[in-house]
C-alpha cells in the first residue's frame, strides 16, 4: 500500500503530466498536428512512469526502511517457557 509521501509525489508529477497530456490531445485531435501531440502524450506518460518505477538516490533510505520493516515479524515468538 502506498504511503502518504508516495501519494504526494504522484500528485506533484500529475501537476505536470496532466497539462502536457491535455495539450497533446488538443494538438492531436483539434489542430491536427500528430507529431507534436504524440510527443506531448509520450512525455506525460513518461513522467508518471519514471516517477513510479525509477529509484533515485534520494529514495534509497525510504526503500531500505520499507525492506527492513517488511522483514520484521509481527507475530510473537511461539516459545513456551
Protein backbone atom coordinates (compact mmCIF):
# COMPACT_ATOMS: atom_id res chain seq x y z
CA UNK A 1 0.00 0.00 0.00
CA UNK A 2 1.35 3.41 -0.92
CA UNK A 3 2.16 5.81 1.85
CA UNK A 4 1.27 9.47 2.09
CA UNK A 5 4.69 10.50 0.77
CA UNK A 6 4.25 8.40 -2.37
CA UNK A 7 0.81 9.92 -2.90
CA UNK A 8 2.16 13.46 -2.59
CA UNK A 9 4.99 12.66 -5.03
CA UNK A 10 2.49 11.27 -7.53
CA UNK A 11 0.29 14.34 -7.18
CA UNK A 12 3.30 16.56 -7.86
CA UNK A 13 4.13 14.67 -11.03
CA UNK A 14 0.50 14.71 -12.16
CA UNK A 15 0.51 18.52 -11.86
CA UNK A 16 3.00 18.49 -14.73
CA UNK A 17 1.77 15.44 -16.64
CA UNK A 18 -1.94 16.28 -16.94
CA UNK A 19 -1.47 19.66 -18.69
CA UNK A 20 1.05 18.07 -21.07
CA UNK A 21 -1.40 15.28 -21.87
CA UNK A 22 -4.27 17.69 -22.42
CA UNK A 23 -2.12 19.86 -24.70
CA UNK A 24 -1.07 16.73 -26.56
CA UNK A 25 -4.68 15.71 -27.07
CA UNK A 26 -5.52 19.19 -28.34
CA UNK A 27 -2.63 19.18 -30.80
CA UNK A 28 -3.50 15.67 -31.92
CA UNK A 29 -7.26 15.95 -32.38
CA UNK A 30 -8.11 19.66 -32.69
CA UNK A 31 -5.14 21.13 -34.53
CA UNK A 32 -4.21 18.02 -36.48
CA UNK A 33 -0.53 18.14 -35.56
CA UNK A 34 0.13 14.47 -34.88
CA UNK A 35 3.87 14.75 -34.18
CA UNK A 36 3.59 17.47 -31.54
CA UNK A 37 0.56 15.83 -29.94
CA UNK A 38 2.22 12.44 -29.85
CA UNK A 39 5.39 13.84 -28.30
CA UNK A 40 3.43 15.58 -25.56
CA UNK A 41 1.41 12.45 -24.80
CA UNK A 42 4.56 10.31 -24.62
CA UNK A 43 6.16 12.92 -22.36
CA UNK A 44 3.17 12.85 -19.99
CA UNK A 45 3.20 9.06 -19.76
CA UNK A 46 6.98 9.02 -19.33
CA UNK A 47 6.79 11.49 -16.43
CA UNK A 48 4.42 9.25 -14.49
CA UNK A 49 6.30 6.06 -15.39
CA UNK A 50 9.68 7.47 -14.34
CA UNK A 51 8.26 8.67 -11.04
CA UNK A 52 6.67 5.30 -10.37
CA UNK A 53 9.39 2.89 -11.49
CA UNK A 54 12.72 4.75 -11.25
CA UNK A 55 14.56 4.69 -7.93
CA UNK A 56 16.64 7.82 -7.39
CA UNK A 57 19.50 8.11 -4.88
CA UNK A 58 17.30 10.26 -2.65
CA UNK A 59 14.73 7.45 -2.49
CA UNK A 60 17.15 4.80 -1.21
CA UNK A 61 16.68 5.46 2.54
CA UNK A 62 12.92 5.02 2.14
CA UNK A 63 13.33 1.84 0.11
CA UNK A 64 15.71 0.38 2.67
CA UNK A 65 13.38 1.31 5.54
CA UNK A 66 10.47 -0.45 3.80
CA UNK A 67 12.55 -3.61 3.29
CA UNK A 68 13.71 -3.64 6.90
CA UNK A 69 10.19 -3.04 8.21
CA UNK A 70 8.82 -5.70 5.85
CA UNK A 71 11.34 -8.22 7.13
CA UNK A 72 10.32 -7.74 10.75
CA UNK A 73 7.80 -10.23 12.04
CA UNK A 74 4.52 -9.03 13.53
CA UNK A 75 3.89 -12.37 15.19
CA UNK A 76 5.21 -13.02 18.70
CA UNK A 77 7.54 -15.91 19.34
CA UNK A 78 5.85 -19.24 19.95
CA UNK A 79 8.29 -20.28 22.66
CA UNK A 80 6.83 -21.77 25.81
CA UNK A 81 8.96 -21.50 28.92
